[in-house]
């Protein structure tokens, strides 16, 4: 059972990393890559939204760094480590 959960967490980690990369690229929503980004957002947003309410972005001049994505990625990696070692 923990192997299945570890694989689910691994898929979430992969989806989050791909979403981070796609967030840097401006693609129209009708483009296949834009549709992939929308699909990934539908999977990762339910995990990110509570963190975004708790952790404000860090302002660096005109740019704001969304730390919630990093926190979620670290938490998922820790969870994966715990599940895969069990």
C-alpha atoms as a PDB file:
ATOM      1  CA  UNK A   1       0.000   0.000   0.000  1.00  0.00           C
ATOM      2  CA  UNK A   2       2.796   2.441   0.824  1.00  0.00           C
ATOM      3  CA  UNK A   3       4.358   1.668  -2.561  1.00  0.00           C
ATOM      4  CA  UNK A   4       1.217   2.877  -4.314  1.00  0.00           C
ATOM      5  CA  UNK A   5       1.092   6.038  -2.191  1.00  0.00           C
ATOM      6  CA  UNK A   6       4.787   6.665  -2.845  1.00  0.00           C
ATOM      7  CA  UNK A   7       4.131   6.404  -6.587  1.00  0.00           C
ATOM      8  CA  UNK A   8       1.213   8.845  -6.328  1.00  0.00           C
ATOM      9  CA  UNK A   9       3.439  11.315  -4.468  1.00  0.00           C
ATOM     10  CA  UNK A  10       6.149  10.832  -7.107  1.00  0.00           C
ATOM     11  CA  UNK A  11       3.652  11.640  -9.876  1.00  0.00           C
ATOM     12  CA  UNK A  12       2.620  14.787  -7.965  1.00  0.00           C
ATOM     13  CA  UNK A  13       6.275  15.825  -7.647  1.00  0.00           C
ATOM     14  CA  UNK A  14       6.794  15.313 -11.372  1.00  0.00           C
ATOM     15  CA  UNK A  15       3.587  17.235 -12.213  1.00  0.00           C
ATOM     16  CA  UNK A  16       4.647  20.115  -9.964  1.00  0.00           C
ATOM     17  CA  UNK A  17       8.109  20.324 -11.552  1.00  0.00           C
ATOM     18  CA  UNK A  18       6.638  20.320 -15.068  1.00  0.00           C
ATOM     19  CA  UNK A  19       4.144  22.991 -14.012  1.00  0.00           C
ATOM     20  CA  UNK A  20       6.959  25.154 -12.602  1.00  0.00           C
ATOM     21  CA  UNK A  21       8.771  24.931 -15.942  1.00  0.00           C
ATOM     22  CA  UNK A  22       5.623  25.653 -17.957  1.00  0.00           C
ATOM     23  CA  UNK A  23       4.787  28.660 -15.771  1.00  0.00           C
ATOM     24  CA  UNK A  24       7.939  30.341 -17.088  1.00  0.00           C
ATOM     25  CA  UNK A  25       6.844  29.917 -20.720  1.00  0.00           C
ATOM     26  CA  UNK A  26       4.067  32.064 -22.179  1.00  0.00           C
ATOM     27  CA  UNK A  27       1.854  29.817 -24.308  1.00  0.00           C
ATOM     28  CA  UNK A  28      -1.711  30.475 -25.544  1.00  0.00           C
ATOM     29  CA  UNK A  29      -4.330  28.401 -23.735  1.00  0.00           C
ATOM     30  CA  UNK A  30      -5.454  26.736 -26.993  1.00  0.00           C
ATOM     31  CA  UNK A  31      -1.946  25.458 -27.702  1.00  0.00           C
ATOM     32  CA  UNK A  32      -1.302  21.826 -26.645  1.00  0.00           C
ATOM     33  CA  UNK A  33       1.331  22.987 -24.151  1.00  0.00           C
ATOM     34  CA  UNK A  34      -1.174  25.502 -22.763  1.00  0.00           C
ATOM     35  CA  UNK A  35      -3.715  22.718 -22.340  1.00  0.00           C
ATOM     36  CA  UNK A  36      -1.095  20.610 -20.559  1.00  0.00           C
ATOM     37  CA  UNK A  37      -0.400  23.516 -18.205  1.00  0.00           C
ATOM     38  CA  UNK A  38      -4.128  23.890 -17.496  1.00  0.00           C
ATOM     39  CA  UNK A  39      -4.428  20.161 -16.785  1.00  0.00           C
ATOM     40  CA  UNK A  40      -1.427  20.222 -14.452  1.00  0.00           C
ATOM     41  CA  UNK A  41      -2.864  23.269 -12.683  1.00  0.00           C
ATOM     42  CA  UNK A  42      -6.097  21.363 -12.023  1.00  0.00           C
ATOM     43  CA  UNK A  43      -4.068  18.662 -10.225  1.00  0.00           C
ATOM     44  CA  UNK A  44      -1.649  20.904  -8.338  1.00  0.00           C
ATOM     45  CA  UNK A  45      -3.860  23.891  -7.443  1.00  0.00           C
ATOM     46  CA  UNK A  46      -5.824  22.056  -4.718  1.00  0.00           C
ATOM     47  CA  UNK A  47      -2.511  21.469  -2.932  1.00  0.00           C
ATOM     48  CA  UNK A  48      -1.073  24.921  -3.613  1.00  0.00           C
ATOM     49  CA  UNK A  49      -4.051  27.149  -2.797  1.00  0.00           C
ATOM     50  CA  UNK A  50      -4.090  26.519   0.991  1.00  0.00           C
ATOM     51  CA  UNK A  51      -0.342  27.158   1.114  1.00  0.00           C
ATOM     52  CA  UNK A  52      -0.710  30.351  -0.917  1.00  0.00           C
ATOM     53  CA  UNK A  53      -3.230  31.629   1.628  1.00  0.00           C
ATOM     54  CA  UNK A  54      -0.772  30.929   4.471  1.00  0.00           C
ATOM     55  CA  UNK A  55       2.523  31.948   2.840  1.00  0.00           C
ATOM     56  CA  UNK A  56       2.649  35.336   1.106  1.00  0.00           C
ATOM     57  CA  UNK A  57       4.965  35.772  -1.889  1.00  0.00           C
ATOM     58  CA  UNK A  58       8.368  37.275  -1.164  1.00  0.00           C
ATOM     59  CA  UNK A  59       8.817  40.651  -2.872  1.00  0.00           C
ATOM     60  CA  UNK A  60      12.126  41.250  -4.607  1.00  0.00           C
ATOM     61  CA  UNK A  61      11.733  44.610  -6.293  1.00  0.00           C
ATOM     62  CA  UNK A  62       9.119  44.328  -9.019  1.00  0.00           C
ATOM     63  CA  UNK A  63       9.113  40.519  -8.835  1.00  0.00           C
ATOM     64  CA  UNK A  64       7.260  38.340  -6.331  1.00  0.00           C
ATOM     65  CA  UNK A  65       8.602  34.852  -5.585  1.00  0.00           C
ATOM     66  CA  UNK A  66       5.889  32.292  -4.824  1.00  0.00           C
ATOM     67  CA  UNK A  67       7.472  30.327  -1.978  1.00  0.00           C
ATOM     68  CA  UNK A  68       4.444  28.040  -1.569  1.00  0.00           C
ATOM     69  CA  UNK A  69       5.527  26.012  -4.607  1.00  0.00           C
ATOM     70  CA  UNK A  70       8.949  25.417  -3.054  1.00  0.00           C
ATOM     71  CA  UNK A  71       7.399  24.495   0.313  1.00  0.00           C
ATOM     72  CA  UNK A  72       5.046  22.006  -1.366  1.00  0.00           C
ATOM     73  CA  UNK A  73       7.876  20.483  -3.397  1.00  0.00           C
ATOM     74  CA  UNK A  74      10.020  20.005  -0.271  1.00  0.00           C
ATOM     75  CA  UNK A  75       7.064  18.563   1.687  1.00  0.00           C
ATOM     76  CA  UNK A  76       6.234  16.109  -1.110  1.00  0.00           C
ATOM     77  CA  UNK A  77       9.871  15.020  -1.323  1.00  0.00           C
ATOM     78  CA  UNK A  78       9.954  14.378   2.434  1.00  0.00           C
ATOM     79  CA  UNK A  79       6.667  12.461   2.220  1.00  0.00           C
ATOM     80  CA  UNK A  80       8.020  10.412  -0.684  1.00  0.00           C
ATOM     81  CA  UNK A  81      11.144   9.586   1.321  1.00  0.00           C
ATOM     82  CA  UNK A  82       9.078   8.453   4.294  1.00  0.00           C
ATOM     83  CA  UNK A  83       6.713   6.358   2.162  1.00  0.00           C
ATOM     84  CA  UNK A  84       9.424   4.736   0.065  1.00  0.00           C
ATOM     85  CA  UNK A  85      11.480   3.750   3.129  1.00  0.00           C
ATOM     86  CA  UNK A  86       8.487   2.179   4.902  1.00  0.00           C
END
